[in-house]
Amino acid sequence: MNSNIIWGIVLLALSLFLKPLLAIVGLNERLFGLHWQGETVFSLSPFLVRIILAVIGIIMLIIGGMQVAKQKNE
């Protein structure tokens, strides 16, 4: 199996189960923000992070699928 396909599946799974995984590990949503001297400088909503992970995962799956198809044609 192509490494891009594996990464795509991992990222899609992360995007689906992000909140429960964070709860299990004990992290909170502050992970997605940039904090400086106690102030939140920049913050991403967990929903936006999930969408970004899902999009990257789908792109990785497509790239991996194209590479596998190219190798089979050779």
Protein backbone atom coordinates (compact mmCIF):
# COMPACT_ATOMS: atom_id res chain seq x y z
CA MET A 1 0.00 0.00 0.00
CA ASN A 2 1.25 3.45 -0.91
CA SER A 3 2.39 5.70 1.96
CA ASN A 4 0.25 8.58 0.65
CA ILE A 5 -2.84 6.39 0.89
CA ILE A 6 -1.96 5.43 4.46
CA TRP A 7 -1.43 9.09 5.44
CA GLY A 8 -4.70 10.03 3.76
CA ILE A 9 -6.61 7.43 5.78
CA VAL A 10 -4.87 8.53 9.00
CA LEU A 11 -5.72 12.21 8.40
CA LEU A 12 -9.35 11.40 7.56
CA ALA A 13 -9.64 9.32 10.73
CA LEU A 14 -8.09 12.16 12.73
CA SER A 15 -10.56 14.64 11.29
CA LEU A 16 -13.49 12.40 12.25
CA PHE A 17 -12.33 11.54 15.77
CA LEU A 18 -10.39 14.68 16.70
CA LYS A 19 -12.49 15.75 19.68
CA PRO A 20 -12.66 12.33 21.41
CA LEU A 21 -8.92 11.81 20.83
CA LEU A 22 -8.12 15.18 22.40
CA ALA A 23 -10.31 14.31 25.39
CA ILE A 24 -8.57 10.95 25.84
CA VAL A 25 -5.10 12.49 25.63
CA GLY A 26 -6.17 15.32 27.95
CA LEU A 27 -5.63 18.22 25.57
CA ASN A 28 -8.12 20.99 24.99
CA GLU A 29 -8.95 23.36 22.15
CA ARG A 30 -6.20 25.77 23.21
CA LEU A 31 -3.92 23.47 21.26
CA PHE A 32 -5.16 25.12 18.04
CA GLY A 33 -4.29 28.63 19.16
CA LEU A 34 -1.15 30.69 19.36
CA HIS A 35 -0.74 32.05 22.88
CA TRP A 36 1.73 34.71 23.95
CA GLN A 37 2.01 35.91 27.55
CA GLY A 38 -1.36 34.39 28.39
CA GLU A 39 -3.20 36.16 25.56
CA THR A 40 -4.66 34.33 22.59
CA VAL A 41 -2.96 35.81 19.54
CA PHE A 42 -4.37 33.44 16.97
CA SER A 43 -6.95 30.69 17.27
CA LEU A 44 -8.47 28.08 14.96
CA SER A 45 -11.82 26.56 15.76
CA PRO A 46 -11.70 22.77 16.20
CA PHE A 47 -14.29 22.47 13.41
CA LEU A 48 -11.99 24.32 11.00
CA VAL A 49 -9.06 22.08 12.00
CA ARG A 50 -11.20 19.01 11.27
CA ILE A 51 -12.12 20.36 7.83
CA ILE A 52 -8.45 21.11 7.02
CA LEU A 53 -7.39 17.60 8.12
CA ALA A 54 -10.17 16.02 6.03
CA VAL A 55 -9.24 18.02 2.91
CA ILE A 56 -5.54 17.16 3.25
CA GLY A 57 -6.47 13.50 3.82
CA ILE A 58 -8.61 13.39 0.67
CA ILE A 59 -5.83 15.02 -1.37
CA MET A 60 -3.32 12.45 -0.06
CA LEU A 61 -5.69 9.61 -0.99
CA ILE A 62 -6.08 10.99 -4.52
CA ILE A 63 -2.30 11.42 -4.97
CA GLY A 64 -1.67 7.91 -3.63
CA GLY A 65 -4.32 6.42 -5.90
CA MET A 66 -2.84 8.15 -8.94
CA GLN A 67 0.65 6.85 -8.05
CA VAL A 68 -0.65 3.29 -7.65
CA ALA A 69 -2.48 3.51 -11.00
CA LYS A 70 0.69 4.84 -12.67
CA GLN A 71 2.77 1.96 -11.26
CA LYS A 72 0.26 -0.63 -12.49
CA ASN A 73 0.35 0.84 -16.01
CA GLU A 74 4.13 0.44 -16.24
